[in-house]
Protein backbone atom coordinates (compact mmCIF):
# COMPACT_ATOMS: atom_id res chain seq x y z
CA UNK A 1 25.62 -39.40 22.83
CA UNK A 2 27.34 -40.22 19.54
CA UNK A 3 30.89 -41.51 19.62
CA UNK A 4 33.16 -40.37 16.77
CA UNK A 5 36.20 -42.32 15.63
CA UNK A 6 38.25 -39.13 15.17
CA UNK A 7 37.56 -38.01 18.71
CA UNK A 8 38.27 -41.50 20.10
CA UNK A 9 41.47 -41.78 18.06
CA UNK A 10 40.77 -45.45 17.26
CA UNK A 11 38.24 -47.58 15.37
CA UNK A 12 34.80 -47.86 17.01
CA UNK A 13 33.80 -51.10 18.66
CA UNK A 14 30.57 -52.91 17.71
CA UNK A 15 28.97 -51.69 20.96
CA UNK A 16 29.96 -48.06 20.18
CA UNK A 17 28.51 -48.31 16.65
CA UNK A 18 25.30 -49.85 18.01
CA UNK A 19 25.18 -47.08 20.63
CA UNK A 20 25.43 -44.45 17.88
CA UNK A 21 22.53 -46.07 15.98
CA UNK A 22 20.43 -46.31 19.19
CA UNK A 23 21.08 -42.62 19.91
CA UNK A 24 20.05 -41.57 16.39
CA UNK A 25 16.97 -43.82 16.49
CA UNK A 26 15.79 -42.40 19.83
CA UNK A 27 16.21 -38.85 18.54
CA UNK A 28 14.18 -39.69 15.39
CA UNK A 29 11.37 -41.18 17.50
CA UNK A 30 11.20 -37.98 19.56
CA UNK A 31 11.01 -35.87 16.39
CA UNK A 32 8.31 -38.11 14.87
CA UNK A 33 6.26 -37.97 18.08
CA UNK A 34 6.40 -34.16 18.16
CA UNK A 35 6.18 -33.49 14.45
CA UNK A 36 3.05 -31.29 14.66
CA UNK A 37 4.61 -28.97 17.23
CA UNK A 38 6.78 -27.59 14.42
CA UNK A 39 3.87 -26.85 12.11
CA UNK A 40 3.81 -23.40 10.59
CA UNK A 41 1.57 -21.48 8.23
CA UNK A 42 1.41 -23.24 4.88
CA UNK A 43 -1.26 -21.26 3.00
CA UNK A 44 -3.43 -18.24 3.53
CA UNK A 45 -6.54 -18.33 1.38
CA UNK A 46 -8.70 -15.22 0.97
CA UNK A 47 -12.21 -15.50 -0.40
CA UNK A 48 -14.40 -12.43 -0.25
CA UNK A 49 -14.40 -11.05 3.29
CA UNK A 50 -12.93 -14.22 4.88
CA UNK A 51 -9.40 -15.56 5.33
CA UNK A 52 -8.60 -19.26 5.89
CA UNK A 53 -5.22 -20.32 7.33
CA UNK A 54 -3.90 -23.82 6.58
CA UNK A 55 -0.80 -25.24 8.30
CA UNK A 56 2.27 -26.78 6.66
CA UNK A 57 0.99 -30.24 7.68
CA UNK A 58 -2.56 -29.58 6.43
CA UNK A 59 -4.09 -28.46 9.71
CA UNK A 60 -7.01 -26.07 9.16
CA UNK A 61 -6.51 -23.26 11.67
CA UNK A 62 -9.88 -21.75 10.86
CA UNK A 63 -11.70 -19.09 8.90
CA UNK A 64 -11.32 -15.50 10.08
CA UNK A 65 -13.46 -12.53 8.98
CA UNK A 66 -11.52 -9.68 7.40
CA UNK A 67 -12.24 -6.18 8.68
CA UNK A 68 -13.71 -3.61 6.33
CA UNK A 69 -12.83 0.05 6.43
CA UNK A 70 -15.95 2.14 6.86
CA UNK A 71 -14.93 5.45 5.33
CA UNK A 72 -17.55 8.16 5.83
CA UNK A 73 -17.52 11.07 3.35
CA UNK A 74 -18.42 14.30 5.21
CA UNK A 75 -17.90 16.92 2.47
CA UNK A 76 -15.99 20.13 3.17
CA UNK A 77 -14.15 20.41 6.52
CA UNK A 78 -16.00 22.71 8.93
CA UNK A 79 -14.80 24.22 12.22
CA UNK A 80 -16.65 23.35 15.46
CA UNK A 81 -17.76 19.98 14.06
CA UNK A 82 -17.38 16.59 15.76
CA UNK A 83 -15.34 14.25 13.53
CA UNK A 84 -14.72 10.54 14.01
CA UNK A 85 -11.97 8.22 12.87
CA UNK A 86 -12.34 7.34 9.14
CA UNK A 87 -14.37 10.48 8.30
CA UNK A 88 -13.32 11.93 4.92
CA UNK A 89 -13.27 15.67 4.26
CA UNK A 90 -12.11 18.03 1.53
CA UNK A 91 -9.80 20.86 2.64
CA UNK A 92 -7.04 22.96 1.00
CA UNK A 93 -7.12 21.21 -2.41
CA UNK A 94 -6.98 17.72 -0.86
CA UNK A 95 -8.96 14.83 0.59
CA UNK A 96 -8.16 13.93 4.21
CA UNK A 97 -9.05 10.95 6.41
CA UNK A 98 -9.63 11.52 10.13
CA UNK A 99 -7.19 9.50 12.28
CA UNK A 100 -8.75 10.25 15.68
CA UNK A 101 -12.09 11.40 17.08
CA UNK A 102 -12.13 15.11 17.89
CA UNK A 103 -14.12 18.34 17.82
CA UNK A 104 -12.65 20.57 15.11
CA UNK A 105 -11.33 24.01 15.98
CA UNK A 106 -9.04 25.59 13.36
CA UNK A 107 -7.57 23.51 10.53
CA UNK A 108 -4.03 24.54 11.51
CA UNK A 109 -4.64 23.21 15.04
CA UNK A 110 -6.42 20.03 13.92
CA UNK A 111 -4.10 19.01 11.07
CA UNK A 112 -2.42 16.37 13.31
CA UNK A 113 -5.76 14.49 13.41
CA UNK A 114 -5.94 14.14 9.61
CA UNK A 115 -4.05 12.01 7.06
CA UNK A 116 -3.89 13.40 3.52
CA UNK A 117 -4.92 10.73 1.01
CA UNK A 118 -5.31 12.74 -2.20
CA UNK A 119 -4.07 16.14 -3.40
CA UNK A 120 -5.73 18.11 -6.17
CA UNK A 121 -3.57 20.35 -8.35
CA UNK A 122 -3.74 24.00 -7.39
CA UNK A 123 -5.78 25.84 -9.99
CA UNK A 124 -3.87 28.40 -12.02
CA UNK A 125 -5.45 31.11 -14.15
CA UNK A 126 -5.44 30.45 -17.90
CA UNK A 127 -3.85 33.11 -20.12
CA UNK A 128 -5.69 34.10 -23.28
CA UNK A 129 -3.48 34.19 -26.40
CA UNK A 130 -3.90 34.97 -30.07
CA UNK A 131 -1.89 32.76 -32.42
CA UNK A 132 0.64 35.58 -33.00
CA UNK A 133 1.25 36.04 -29.25
CA UNK A 134 1.84 32.37 -28.32
CA UNK A 135 5.25 31.98 -26.63
CA UNK A 136 7.70 29.83 -28.60
CA UNK A 137 8.92 28.09 -25.41
CA UNK A 138 6.87 27.28 -22.33
CA UNK A 139 6.80 24.83 -19.47
CA UNK A 140 5.67 21.36 -20.59
CA UNK A 141 2.01 20.81 -19.70
CA UNK A 142 1.24 24.52 -19.48
CA UNK A 143 -2.36 25.20 -20.42
CA UNK A 144 -3.81 28.35 -21.94
CA UNK A 145 -6.72 29.62 -24.00
CA UNK A 146 -6.37 30.46 -27.70
CA UNK A 147 -8.71 32.85 -29.47
CA UNK A 148 -8.79 32.47 -33.24
CA UNK A 149 -11.23 31.94 -36.13
CA UNK A 150 -12.55 28.76 -34.40
CA UNK A 151 -13.45 30.66 -31.23
CA UNK A 152 -11.82 30.11 -27.83
CA UNK A 153 -10.01 26.77 -27.45
CA UNK A 154 -8.14 25.13 -24.57
CA UNK A 155 -4.51 24.49 -25.61
CA UNK A 156 -1.39 23.02 -23.97
CA UNK A 157 2.38 23.02 -24.57
CA UNK A 158 3.77 19.48 -25.09
CA UNK A 159 7.39 20.51 -24.54
CA UNK A 160 7.99 21.38 -28.23
CA UNK A 161 4.81 22.98 -29.56
CA UNK A 162 1.32 24.16 -28.62
CA UNK A 163 -1.61 21.79 -29.31
CA UNK A 164 -5.38 21.98 -29.08
CA UNK A 165 -6.35 19.90 -26.05
CA UNK A 166 -9.62 18.49 -27.36
CA UNK A 167 -8.52 17.72 -30.90
CA UNK A 168 -4.81 17.05 -30.33
CA UNK A 169 -3.97 19.25 -33.33
CA UNK A 170 -0.68 21.13 -33.62
CA UNK A 171 -0.98 24.89 -33.85
């Protein structure tokens, strides 16, 4: 135990100072003897499908294989079909990944077993315009068809004006 002058209220004797040094030295020896017990993760190296973990003191903890997801595309979702975890299906304008093995019944009843991973935009019908009937204002990104002397062209509204989609020309 270390003796402090302020706690003693008087100067330390030679024996008390030596005792303080002995106490500190014995604590350092214990720490040095058990240095590796405090080792942590120093580096994680990933190469291909393997991960190597190296400790803060250089210890090689080993090489570990990394798991690979085995997604299985199954096409359109179908009722009364056995599905397994990681199956992919297309349903209701989206791509879904199966989260648990099950036999499908109705989509509304099975939806808890699927995780949506991609949503497709809902298709909207395109309106056919002549140049004279194009609205002056429209929702940005709105698409339509234009019939004119060039034939029928896909157009869109950029927030200020209509443009031909393929050529990027203003109308």
